[in-house]
C-alpha cells in the first residue's frame, strides 16, 4: 500500500511541477519528502485514514490545477477517481481507488 500511495503522490507532483527540458522528479527528490514510502508506511501502520487521505488530497489538488481543474475532461475523471479514495473508510477500501488513481495519473503523464 505504501508504494502505491507514494506512486500516486509522485505522479501528481510530476504533473504539477515537472517541466519539459528539466530534470525529472524522482522518488528521492526533496519535493517528495512529505510523500515518501516511509511516511505513508507510518500512516498505514497507525491506521491513520484521515492522514493518508489528507496527504493524497494535497497532491491530487496540485495535479488537478495542473490539468486545468474539474471543468476539463481529465479533471472530471481525476475528481471521480479521487472521490472514490476520499470515500474509503477502511484501509482495505483504499486499495482499488489507489490503483485507479495510480493508473490514471500514469496514463495522463
PDB file of N, CA and C in Angstrom:
ATOM      1  N   UNK A   1       0.831  -1.196   0.000  1.00  0.00           N
ATOM      2  CA  UNK A   1       0.000   0.000   0.000  1.00  0.00           C
ATOM      3  C   UNK A   1       0.876   1.261   0.000  1.00  0.00           C
ATOM      4  N   UNK A   2       1.965   1.232   0.781  1.00  0.00           N
ATOM      5  CA  UNK A   2       2.821   2.417   0.868  1.00  0.00           C
ATOM      6  C   UNK A   2       3.398   2.798  -0.494  1.00  0.00           C
ATOM      7  N   UNK A   3       3.811   1.787  -1.249  1.00  0.00           N
ATOM      8  CA  UNK A   3       4.375   2.048  -2.570  1.00  0.00           C
ATOM      9  C   UNK A   3       3.323   2.648  -3.504  1.00  0.00           C
ATOM     10  N   UNK A   4       2.100   2.135  -3.440  1.00  0.00           N
ATOM     11  CA  UNK A   4       1.018   2.691  -4.262  1.00  0.00           C
ATOM     12  C   UNK A   4       0.769   4.158  -3.921  1.00  0.00           C
ATOM     13  N   UNK A   5       0.707   4.465  -2.637  1.00  0.00           N
ATOM     14  CA  UNK A   5       0.458   5.841  -2.207  1.00  0.00           C
ATOM     15  C   UNK A   5       1.593   6.765  -2.642  1.00  0.00           C
ATOM     16  N   UNK A   6       2.827   6.290  -2.485  1.00  0.00           N
ATOM     17  CA  UNK A   6       3.982   7.085  -2.906  1.00  0.00           C
ATOM     18  C   UNK A   6       3.945   7.324  -4.416  1.00  0.00           C
ATOM     19  N   UNK A   7       3.555   6.313  -5.166  1.00  0.00           N
ATOM     20  CA  UNK A   7       3.493   6.442  -6.619  1.00  0.00           C
ATOM     21  C   UNK A   7       2.428   7.442  -7.044  1.00  0.00           C
ATOM     22  N   UNK A   8       1.271   7.405  -6.398  1.00  0.00           N
ATOM     23  CA  UNK A   8       0.226   8.394  -6.689  1.00  0.00           C
ATOM     24  C   UNK A   8       0.757   9.798  -6.425  1.00  0.00           C
ATOM     25  N   UNK A   9       1.409   9.989  -5.291  1.00  0.00           N
ATOM     26  CA  UNK A   9       1.968  11.304  -4.961  1.00  0.00           C
ATOM     27  C   UNK A   9       3.009  11.724  -5.997  1.00  0.00           C
ATOM     28  N   UNK A  10       3.874  10.804  -6.383  1.00  0.00           N
ATOM     29  CA  UNK A  10       4.912  11.114  -7.360  1.00  0.00           C
ATOM     30  C   UNK A  10       4.309  11.551  -8.694  1.00  0.00           C
ATOM     31  N   UNK A  11       3.329  10.809  -9.188  1.00  0.00           N
ATOM     32  CA  UNK A  11       2.703  11.178 -10.463  1.00  0.00           C
ATOM     33  C   UNK A  11       1.982  12.522 -10.367  1.00  0.00           C
ATOM     34  N   UNK A  12       1.350  12.792  -9.241  1.00  0.00           N
ATOM     35  CA  UNK A  12       0.692  14.099  -9.058  1.00  0.00           C
ATOM     36  C   UNK A  12       1.705  15.229  -9.100  1.00  0.00           C
ATOM     37  N   UNK A  13       2.801  15.055  -8.371  1.00  0.00           N
ATOM     38  CA  UNK A  13       3.817  16.102  -8.323  1.00  0.00           C
ATOM     39  C   UNK A  13       4.513  16.265  -9.666  1.00  0.00           C
ATOM     40  N   UNK A  14       4.658  15.185 -10.413  1.00  0.00           N
ATOM     41  CA  UNK A  14       5.216  15.296 -11.763  1.00  0.00           C
ATOM     42  C   UNK A  14       4.308  16.155 -12.641  1.00  0.00           C
ATOM     43  N   UNK A  15       3.004  15.906 -12.568  1.00  0.00           N
ATOM     44  CA  UNK A  15       2.067  16.727 -13.344  1.00  0.00           C
ATOM     45  C   UNK A  15       2.148  18.191 -12.941  1.00  0.00           C
ATOM     46  N   UNK A  16       2.268  18.437 -11.653  1.00  0.00           N
ATOM     47  CA  UNK A  16       2.234  19.806 -11.146  1.00  0.00           C
ATOM     48  C   UNK A  16       3.529  20.570 -11.390  1.00  0.00           C
ATOM     49  N   UNK A  17       4.664  19.895 -11.261  1.00  0.00           N
ATOM     50  CA  UNK A  17       5.929  20.631 -11.230  1.00  0.00           C
ATOM     51  C   UNK A  17       6.941  20.273 -12.308  1.00  0.00           C
ATOM     52  N   UNK A  18       6.810  19.136 -12.926  1.00  0.00           N
ATOM     53  CA  UNK A  18       7.819  18.736 -13.904  1.00  0.00           C
ATOM     54  C   UNK A  18       7.604  19.472 -15.211  1.00  0.00           C
ATOM     55  N   UNK A  19       8.651  20.017 -15.748  1.00  0.00           N
ATOM     56  CA  UNK A  19       8.582  20.762 -16.999  1.00  0.00           C
ATOM     57  C   UNK A  19       9.485  20.113 -18.033  1.00  0.00           C
ATOM     58  N   UNK A  20       9.051  20.172 -19.267  1.00  0.00           N
ATOM     59  CA  UNK A  20       9.826  19.593 -20.351  1.00  0.00           C
ATOM     60  C   UNK A  20      11.188  20.278 -20.433  1.00  0.00           C
ATOM     61  N   UNK A  21      12.207  19.476 -20.621  1.00  0.00           N
ATOM     62  CA  UNK A  21      13.562  20.001 -20.721  1.00  0.00           C
ATOM     63  C   UNK A  21      14.275  20.133 -19.386  1.00  0.00           C
ATOM     64  N   UNK A  22      13.571  19.935 -18.279  1.00  0.00           N
ATOM     65  CA  UNK A  22      14.182  19.990 -16.954  1.00  0.00           C
ATOM     66  C   UNK A  22      14.379  18.574 -16.430  1.00  0.00           C
ATOM     67  N   UNK A  23      15.140  18.460 -15.367  1.00  0.00           N
ATOM     68  CA  UNK A  23      15.344  17.155 -14.753  1.00  0.00           C
ATOM     69  C   UNK A  23      14.014  16.611 -14.249  1.00  0.00           C
ATOM     70  N   UNK A  24      13.786  15.318 -14.441  1.00  0.00           N
ATOM     71  CA  UNK A  24      12.526  14.740 -13.953  1.00  0.00           C
ATOM     72  C   UNK A  24      12.500  14.662 -12.430  1.00  0.00           C
ATOM     73  N   UNK A  25      11.292  14.685 -11.889  1.00  0.00           N
ATOM     74  CA  UNK A  25      11.121  14.498 -10.453  1.00  0.00           C
ATOM     75  C   UNK A  25      11.208  13.004 -10.177  1.00  0.00           C
ATOM     76  N   UNK A  26      12.042  12.649  -9.227  1.00  0.00           N
ATOM     77  CA  UNK A  26      12.246  11.249  -8.855  1.00  0.00           C
ATOM     78  C   UNK A  26      11.817  11.041  -7.407  1.00  0.00           C
ATOM     79  N   UNK A  27      11.733   9.791  -6.991  1.00  0.00           N
ATOM     80  CA  UNK A  27      11.300   9.458  -5.632  1.00  0.00           C
ATOM     81  C   UNK A  27      12.197  10.090  -4.565  1.00  0.00           C
ATOM     82  N   UNK A  28      13.475  10.273  -4.864  1.00  0.00           N
ATOM     83  CA  UNK A  28      14.381  10.831  -3.862  1.00  0.00           C
ATOM     84  C   UNK A  28      14.518  12.352  -3.954  1.00  0.00           C
ATOM     85  N   UNK A  29      13.691  12.980  -4.767  1.00  0.00           N
ATOM     86  CA  UNK A  29      13.684  14.432  -4.905  1.00  0.00           C
ATOM     87  C   UNK A  29      13.186  15.064  -3.604  1.00  0.00           C
ATOM     88  N   UNK A  30      13.759  16.192  -3.198  1.00  0.00           N
ATOM     89  CA  UNK A  30      13.310  16.852  -1.954  1.00  0.00           C
ATOM     90  C   UNK A  30      11.817  17.173  -1.933  1.00  0.00           C
ATOM     91  N   UNK A  31      11.219  17.402  -3.076  1.00  0.00           N
ATOM     92  CA  UNK A  31       9.786  17.714  -3.126  1.00  0.00           C
ATOM     93  C   UNK A  31       8.946  16.532  -2.632  1.00  0.00           C
ATOM     94  N   UNK A  32       9.529  15.343  -2.645  1.00  0.00           N
ATOM     95  CA  UNK A  32       8.820  14.130  -2.232  1.00  0.00           C
ATOM     96  C   UNK A  32       8.960  13.850  -0.731  1.00  0.00           C
ATOM     97  N   UNK A  33       9.630  14.713   0.018  1.00  0.00           N
ATOM     98  CA  UNK A  33       9.928  14.411   1.422  1.00  0.00           C
ATOM     99  C   UNK A  33       8.692  14.114   2.269  1.00  0.00           C
ATOM    100  N   UNK A  34       7.595  14.787   2.035  1.00  0.00           N
ATOM    101  CA  UNK A  34       6.371  14.532   2.809  1.00  0.00           C
ATOM    102  C   UNK A  34       5.548  13.379   2.251  1.00  0.00           C
ATOM    103  N   UNK A  35       5.997  12.809   1.144  1.00  0.00           N
ATOM    104  CA  UNK A  35       5.215  11.780   0.460  1.00  0.00           C
ATOM    105  C   UNK A  35       6.025  10.508   0.207  1.00  0.00           C
ATOM    106  N   UNK A  36       7.082  10.317   0.970  1.00  0.00           N
ATOM    107  CA  UNK A  36       7.921   9.137   0.818  1.00  0.00           C
ATOM    108  C   UNK A  36       7.196   7.892   1.311  1.00  0.00           C
ATOM    109  N   UNK A  37       7.653   6.771   0.815  1.00  0.00           N
ATOM    110  CA  UNK A  37       7.082   5.484   1.207  1.00  0.00           C
ATOM    111  C   UNK A  37       7.089   5.297   2.718  1.00  0.00           C
ATOM    112  N   UNK A  38       8.167   5.753   3.374  1.00  0.00           N
ATOM    113  CA  UNK A  38       8.262   5.600   4.828  1.00  0.00           C
ATOM    114  C   UNK A  38       7.210   6.425   5.558  1.00  0.00           C
ATOM    115  N   UNK A  39       6.921   7.605   5.043  1.00  0.00           N
ATOM    116  CA  UNK A  39       5.886   8.459   5.642  1.00  0.00           C
ATOM    117  C   UNK A  39       4.529   7.780   5.508  1.00  0.00           C
ATOM    118  N   UNK A  40       4.225   7.305   4.311  1.00  0.00           N
ATOM    119  CA  UNK A  40       2.960   6.598   4.114  1.00  0.00           C
ATOM    120  C   UNK A  40       2.936   5.303   4.919  1.00  0.00           C
ATOM    121  N   UNK A  41       4.092   4.640   5.024  1.00  0.00           N
ATOM    122  CA  UNK A  41       4.159   3.409   5.808  1.00  0.00           C
ATOM    123  C   UNK A  41       3.788   3.641   7.255  1.00  0.00           C
ATOM    124  N   UNK A  42       4.285   4.718   7.821  1.00  0.00           N
ATOM    125  CA  UNK A  42       3.943   5.062   9.204  1.00  0.00           C
ATOM    126  C   UNK A  42       2.445   5.318   9.340  1.00  0.00           C
ATOM    127  N   UNK A  43       1.885   6.059   8.411  1.00  0.00           N
ATOM    128  CA  UNK A  43       0.442   6.340   8.447  1.00  0.00           C
ATOM    129  C   UNK A  43      -0.378   5.056   8.293  1.00  0.00           C
ATOM    130  N   UNK A  44       0.068   4.168   7.426  1.00  0.00           N
ATOM    131  CA  UNK A  44      -0.633   2.896   7.224  1.00  0.00           C
ATOM    132  C   UNK A  44      -0.560   2.055   8.497  1.00  0.00           C
ATOM    133  N   UNK A  45       0.618   1.951   9.092  1.00  0.00           N
ATOM    134  CA  UNK A  45       0.763   1.163  10.330  1.00  0.00           C
ATOM    135  C   UNK A  45      -0.092   1.726  11.455  1.00  0.00           C
ATOM    136  N   UNK A  46      -0.229   3.017  11.498  1.00  0.00           N
ATOM    137  CA  UNK A  46      -1.077   3.650  12.515  1.00  0.00           C
ATOM    138  C   UNK A  46      -2.568   3.536  12.194  1.00  0.00           C
ATOM    139  N   UNK A  47      -2.871   3.182  10.952  1.00  0.00           N
ATOM    140  CA  UNK A  47      -4.267   3.150  10.527  1.00  0.00           C
ATOM    141  C   UNK A  47      -4.864   4.539  10.406  1.00  0.00           C
ATOM    142  N   UNK A  48      -4.013   5.519  10.113  1.00  0.00           N
ATOM    143  CA  UNK A  48      -4.414   6.919  10.051  1.00  0.00           C
ATOM    144  C   UNK A  48      -5.051   7.234   8.690  1.00  0.00           C
ATOM    145  N   UNK A  49      -6.285   6.848   8.549  1.00  0.00           N
ATOM    146  CA  UNK A  49      -7.010   7.021   7.287  1.00  0.00           C
ATOM    147  C   UNK A  49      -7.101   8.492   6.913  1.00  0.00           C
ATOM    148  N   UNK A  50      -7.441   9.343   7.869  1.00  0.00           N
ATOM    149  CA  UNK A  50      -7.560  10.777   7.582  1.00  0.00           C
ATOM    150  C   UNK A  50      -6.228  11.380   7.174  1.00  0.00           C
ATOM    151  N   UNK A  51      -5.146  10.958   7.804  1.00  0.00           N
ATOM    152  CA  UNK A  51      -3.820  11.456   7.456  1.00  0.00           C
ATOM    153  C   UNK A  51      -3.431  11.070   6.045  1.00  0.00           C
ATOM    154  N   UNK A  52      -3.721   9.840   5.680  1.00  0.00           N
ATOM    155  CA  UNK A  52      -3.428   9.374   4.328  1.00  0.00           C
ATOM    156  C   UNK A  52      -4.271  10.148   3.322  1.00  0.00           C
ATOM    157  N   UNK A  53      -5.548  10.274   3.597  1.00  0.00           N
ATOM    158  CA  UNK A  53      -6.427  10.996   2.680  1.00  0.00           C
ATOM    159  C   UNK A  53      -6.003  12.459   2.544  1.00  0.00           C
ATOM    160  N   UNK A  54      -5.572  13.074   3.626  1.00  0.00           N
ATOM    161  CA  UNK A  54      -5.127  14.469   3.586  1.00  0.00           C
ATOM    162  C   UNK A  54      -3.917  14.618   2.673  1.00  0.00           C
ATOM    163  N   UNK A  55      -2.921  13.748   2.842  1.00  0.00           N
ATOM    164  CA  UNK A  55      -1.700  13.854   2.019  1.00  0.00           C
ATOM    165  C   UNK A  55      -2.008  13.614   0.545  1.00  0.00           C
ATOM    166  N   UNK A  56      -2.809  12.606   0.267  1.00  0.00           N
ATOM    167  CA  UNK A  56      -3.139  12.312  -1.127  1.00  0.00           C
ATOM    168  C   UNK A  56      -3.978  13.450  -1.718  1.00  0.00           C
ATOM    169  N   UNK A  57      -4.899  13.989  -0.938  1.00  0.00           N
ATOM    170  CA  UNK A  57      -5.736  15.095  -1.425  1.00  0.00           C
ATOM    171  C   UNK A  57      -4.892  16.308  -1.794  1.00  0.00           C
ATOM    172  N   UNK A  58      -3.851  16.590  -1.012  1.00  0.00           N
ATOM    173  CA  UNK A  58      -2.970  17.721  -1.336  1.00  0.00           C
ATOM    174  C   UNK A  58      -2.298  17.506  -2.683  1.00  0.00           C
ATOM    175  N   UNK A  59      -1.828  16.306  -2.919  1.00  0.00           N
ATOM    176  CA  UNK A  59      -1.165  16.007  -4.192  1.00  0.00           C
ATOM    177  C   UNK A  59      -2.158  16.043  -5.356  1.00  0.00           C
ATOM    178  N   UNK A  60      -3.314  15.438  -5.154  1.00  0.00           N
ATOM    179  CA  UNK A  60      -4.328  15.418  -6.210  1.00  0.00           C
ATOM    180  C   UNK A  60      -4.766  16.835  -6.551  1.00  0.00           C
ATOM    181  N   UNK A  61      -4.859  17.696  -5.555  1.00  0.00           N
ATOM    182  CA  UNK A  61      -5.229  19.091  -5.794  1.00  0.00           C
ATOM    183  C   UNK A  61      -4.206  19.779  -6.694  1.00  0.00           C
ATOM    184  N   UNK A  62      -2.933  19.531  -6.465  1.00  0.00           N
ATOM    185  CA  UNK A  62      -1.892  20.108  -7.317  1.00  0.00           C
ATOM    186  C   UNK A  62      -2.003  19.583  -8.746  1.00  0.00           C
ATOM    187  N   UNK A  63      -2.235  18.278  -8.868  1.00  0.00           N
ATOM    188  CA  UNK A  63      -2.389  17.686 -10.201  1.00  0.00           C
ATOM    189  C   UNK A  63      -3.623  18.247 -10.894  1.00  0.00           C
ATOM    190  N   UNK A  64      -4.696  18.403 -10.132  1.00  0.00           N
ATOM    191  CA  UNK A  64      -5.948  18.936 -10.691  1.00  0.00           C
ATOM    192  C   UNK A  64      -5.715  20.331 -11.263  1.00  0.00           C
ATOM    193  N   UNK A  65      -5.016  21.163 -10.531  1.00  0.00           N
ATOM    194  CA  UNK A  65      -4.703  22.509 -11.027  1.00  0.00           C
ATOM    195  C   UNK A  65      -3.869  22.443 -12.302  1.00  0.00           C
ATOM    196  N   UNK A  66      -2.923  21.494 -12.336  1.00  0.00           N
ATOM    197  CA  UNK A  66      -2.030  21.384 -13.488  1.00  0.00           C
ATOM    198  C   UNK A  66      -2.756  20.948 -14.754  1.00  0.00           C
ATOM    199  N   UNK A  67      -3.853  20.202 -14.606  1.00  0.00           N
ATOM    200  CA  UNK A  67      -4.563  19.726 -15.802  1.00  0.00           C
ATOM    201  C   UNK A  67      -5.786  20.577 -16.136  1.00  0.00           C
ATOM    202  N   UNK A  68      -5.941  21.683 -15.430  1.00  0.00           N
ATOM    203  CA  UNK A  68      -6.987  22.631 -15.783  1.00  0.00           C
ATOM    204  C   UNK A  68      -8.242  22.579 -14.943  1.00  0.00           C
ATOM    205  N   UNK A  69      -8.233  21.809 -13.881  1.00  0.00           N
ATOM    206  CA  UNK A  69      -9.368  21.793 -12.968  1.00  0.00           C
ATOM    207  C   UNK A  69     -10.444  20.793 -13.336  1.00  0.00           C
ATOM    208  N   UNK A  70     -11.474  20.790 -12.526  1.00  0.00           N
ATOM    209  CA  UNK A  70     -12.549  19.813 -12.654  1.00  0.00           C
ATOM    210  C   UNK A  70     -13.437  20.062 -13.879  1.00  0.00           C
ATOM    211  N   UNK A  71     -13.303  21.211 -14.512  1.00  0.00           N
ATOM    212  CA  UNK A  71     -14.126  21.524 -15.686  1.00  0.00           C
ATOM    213  C   UNK A  71     -13.563  20.948 -16.979  1.00  0.00           C
ATOM    214  N   UNK A  72     -12.415  20.299 -16.913  1.00  0.00           N
ATOM    215  CA  UNK A  72     -11.830  19.662 -18.093  1.00  0.00           C
ATOM    216  C   UNK A  72     -12.134  18.170 -18.057  1.00  0.00           C
ATOM    217  N   UNK A  73     -12.098  17.506 -19.198  1.00  0.00           N
ATOM    218  CA  UNK A  73     -12.335  16.050 -19.199  1.00  0.00           C
ATOM    219  C   UNK A  73     -11.358  15.300 -18.293  1.00  0.00           C
ATOM    220  N   UNK A  74     -10.069  15.661 -18.353  1.00  0.00           N
ATOM    221  CA  UNK A  74      -9.087  14.996 -17.486  1.00  0.00           C
ATOM    222  C   UNK A  74      -9.385  15.280 -16.016  1.00  0.00           C
ATOM    223  N   UNK A  75      -9.772  16.497 -15.728  1.00  0.00           N
ATOM    224  CA  UNK A  75     -10.071  16.884 -14.351  1.00  0.00           C
ATOM    225  C   UNK A  75     -11.299  16.189 -13.797  1.00  0.00           C
ATOM    226  N   UNK A  76     -12.317  16.030 -14.625  1.00  0.00           N
ATOM    227  CA  UNK A  76     -13.528  15.335 -14.165  1.00  0.00           C
ATOM    228  C   UNK A  76     -13.227  13.892 -13.792  1.00  0.00           C
ATOM    229  N   UNK A  77     -12.421  13.241 -14.609  1.00  0.00           N
ATOM    230  CA  UNK A  77     -12.078  11.841 -14.312  1.00  0.00           C
ATOM    231  C   UNK A  77     -11.199  11.751 -13.070  1.00  0.00           C
ATOM    232  N   UNK A  78     -10.252  12.648 -12.934  1.00  0.00           N
ATOM    233  CA  UNK A  78      -9.421  12.654 -11.736  1.00  0.00           C
ATOM    234  C   UNK A  78     -10.262  12.920 -10.496  1.00  0.00           C
ATOM    235  N   UNK A  79     -11.212  13.817 -10.608  1.00  0.00           N
ATOM    236  CA  UNK A  79     -12.095  14.106  -9.486  1.00  0.00           C
ATOM    237  C   UNK A  79     -12.919  12.868  -9.103  1.00  0.00           C
ATOM    238  N   UNK A  80     -13.435  12.174 -10.105  1.00  0.00           N
ATOM    239  CA  UNK A  80     -14.228  10.975  -9.844  1.00  0.00           C
ATOM    240  C   UNK A  80     -13.392   9.912  -9.132  1.00  0.00           C
ATOM    241  N   UNK A  81     -12.180   9.708  -9.627  1.00  0.00           N
ATOM    242  CA  UNK A  81     -11.312   8.704  -9.016  1.00  0.00           C
ATOM    243  C   UNK A  81     -10.897   9.106  -7.603  1.00  0.00           C
ATOM    244  N   UNK A  82     -10.623  10.381  -7.407  1.00  0.00           N
ATOM    245  CA  UNK A  82     -10.220  10.825  -6.069  1.00  0.00           C
ATOM    246  C   UNK A  82     -11.398  10.778  -5.106  1.00  0.00           C
ATOM    247  N   UNK A  83     -12.624  10.943  -5.601  1.00  0.00           N
ATOM    248  CA  UNK A  83     -13.802  10.840  -4.737  1.00  0.00           C
ATOM    249  C   UNK A  83     -13.932   9.425  -4.186  1.00  0.00           C
ATOM    250  N   UNK A  84     -13.660   8.436  -5.016  1.00  0.00           N
ATOM    251  CA  UNK A  84     -13.684   7.052  -4.536  1.00  0.00           C
ATOM    252  C   UNK A  84     -12.677   6.869  -3.404  1.00  0.00           C
ATOM    253  N   UNK A  85     -11.516   7.483  -3.535  1.00  0.00           N
ATOM    254  CA  UNK A  85     -10.488   7.398  -2.498  1.00  0.00           C
ATOM    255  C   UNK A  85     -10.929   8.146  -1.240  1.00  0.00           C
ATOM    256  N   UNK A  86     -11.489   9.328  -1.412  1.00  0.00           N
ATOM    257  CA  UNK A  86     -11.939  10.121  -0.258  1.00  0.00           C
ATOM    258  C   UNK A  86     -13.052   9.425   0.515  1.00  0.00           C
ATOM    259  N   UNK A  87     -13.865   8.637  -0.181  1.00  0.00           N
ATOM    260  CA  UNK A  87     -14.992   7.966   0.461  1.00  0.00           C
ATOM    261  C   UNK A  87     -14.610   6.683   1.176  1.00  0.00           C
ATOM    262  N   UNK A  88     -13.390   6.209   1.003  1.00  0.00           N
ATOM    263  CA  UNK A  88     -12.946   4.994   1.684  1.00  0.00           C
ATOM    264  C   UNK A  88     -12.883   5.244   3.198  1.00  0.00           C
ATOM    265  N   UNK A  89     -13.342   4.297   3.965  1.00  0.00           N
ATOM    266  CA  UNK A  89     -13.364   4.440   5.426  1.00  0.00           C
ATOM    267  C   UNK A  89     -12.483   3.433   6.145  1.00  0.00           C
ATOM    268  N   UNK A  90     -11.937   2.467   5.410  1.00  0.00           N
ATOM    269  CA  UNK A  90     -11.031   1.485   5.999  1.00  0.00           C
ATOM    270  C   UNK A  90      -9.812   1.339   5.095  1.00  0.00           C
ATOM    271  N   UNK A  91      -8.745   0.787   5.642  1.00  0.00           N
ATOM    272  CA  UNK A  91      -7.532   0.577   4.853  1.00  0.00           C
ATOM    273  C   UNK A  91      -7.815  -0.368   3.681  1.00  0.00           C
ATOM    274  N   UNK A  92      -8.666  -1.347   3.897  1.00  0.00           N
ATOM    275  CA  UNK A  92      -8.993  -2.298   2.842  1.00  0.00           C
ATOM    276  C   UNK A  92      -9.718  -1.613   1.680  1.00  0.00           C
ATOM    277  N   UNK A  93     -10.494  -0.589   1.976  1.00  0.00           N
ATOM    278  CA  UNK A  93     -11.228   0.126   0.933  1.00  0.00           C
ATOM    279  C   UNK A  93     -10.338   1.057   0.123  1.00  0.00           C
ATOM    280  N   UNK A  94      -9.115   1.284   0.558  1.00  0.00           N
ATOM    281  CA  UNK A  94      -8.182   2.166  -0.163  1.00  0.00           C
ATOM    282  C   UNK A  94      -7.613   1.515  -1.420  1.00  0.00           C
ATOM    283  N   UNK A  95      -7.442   0.217  -1.414  1.00  0.00           N
ATOM    284  CA  UNK A  95      -6.655  -0.423  -2.457  1.00  0.00           C
ATOM    285  C   UNK A  95      -7.175  -0.158  -3.876  1.00  0.00           C
ATOM    286  N   UNK A  96      -8.416  -0.449  -4.151  1.00  0.00           N
ATOM    287  CA  UNK A  96      -8.943  -0.263  -5.511  1.00  0.00           C
ATOM    288  C   UNK A  96      -8.879   1.203  -5.956  1.00  0.00           C
ATOM    289  N   UNK A  97      -9.307   2.166  -5.121  1.00  0.00           N
ATOM    290  CA  UNK A  97      -9.206   3.570  -5.561  1.00  0.00           C
ATOM    291  C   UNK A  97      -7.766   4.044  -5.773  1.00  0.00           C
ATOM    292  N   UNK A  98      -6.833   3.564  -4.953  1.00  0.00           N
ATOM    293  CA  UNK A  98      -5.433   3.972  -5.112  1.00  0.00           C
ATOM    294  C   UNK A  98      -4.882   3.424  -6.427  1.00  0.00           C
ATOM    295  N   UNK A  99      -5.217   2.191  -6.734  1.00  0.00           N
ATOM    296  CA  UNK A  99      -4.766   1.611  -8.006  1.00  0.00           C
ATOM    297  C   UNK A  99      -5.377   2.388  -9.171  1.00  0.00           C
ATOM    298  N   UNK A 100      -6.645   2.745  -9.071  1.00  0.00           N
ATOM    299  CA  UNK A 100      -7.289   3.534 -10.115  1.00  0.00           C
ATOM    300  C   UNK A 100      -6.615   4.885 -10.304  1.00  0.00           C
ATOM    301  N   UNK A 101      -6.316   5.564  -9.192  1.00  0.00           N
ATOM    302  CA  UNK A 101      -5.615   6.851  -9.272  1.00  0.00           C
ATOM    303  C   UNK A 101      -4.240   6.684  -9.900  1.00  0.00           C
ATOM    304  N   UNK A 102      -3.489   5.697  -9.433  1.00  0.00           N
ATOM    305  CA  UNK A 102      -2.141   5.475  -9.952  1.00  0.00           C
ATOM    306  C   UNK A 102      -2.173   5.237 -11.461  1.00  0.00           C
ATOM    307  N   UNK A 103      -3.053   4.352 -11.889  1.00  0.00           N
ATOM    308  CA  UNK A 103      -3.112   4.014 -13.317  1.00  0.00           C
ATOM    309  C   UNK A 103      -3.526   5.221 -14.159  1.00  0.00           C
ATOM    310  N   UNK A 104      -4.489   5.979 -13.675  1.00  0.00           N
ATOM    311  CA  UNK A 104      -4.948   7.152 -14.430  1.00  0.00           C
ATOM    312  C   UNK A 104      -3.856   8.213 -14.507  1.00  0.00           C
ATOM    313  N   UNK A 105      -3.228   8.491 -13.391  1.00  0.00           N
ATOM    314  CA  UNK A 105      -2.164   9.503 -13.375  1.00  0.00           C
ATOM    315  C   UNK A 105      -1.005   9.084 -14.254  1.00  0.00           C
ATOM    316  N   UNK A 106      -0.683   7.813 -14.258  1.00  0.00           N
ATOM    317  CA  UNK A 106       0.381   7.317 -15.124  1.00  0.00           C
ATOM    318  C   UNK A 106       0.011   7.531 -16.584  1.00  0.00           C
ATOM    319  N   UNK A 107      -1.240   7.253 -16.919  1.00  0.00           N
ATOM    320  CA  UNK A 107      -1.694   7.389 -18.297  1.00  0.00           C
ATOM    321  C   UNK A 107      -1.680   8.830 -18.798  1.00  0.00           C
ATOM    322  N   UNK A 108      -1.947   9.789 -17.924  1.00  0.00           N
ATOM    323  CA  UNK A 108      -2.023  11.178 -18.398  1.00  0.00           C
ATOM    324  C   UNK A 108      -0.695  11.933 -18.268  1.00  0.00           C
ATOM    325  N   UNK A 109       0.349  11.254 -17.860  1.00  0.00           N
ATOM    326  CA  UNK A 109       1.666  11.894 -17.748  1.00  0.00           C
ATOM    327  C   UNK A 109       2.115  12.456 -19.073  1.00  0.00           C
TER     328      UNK A 109
END
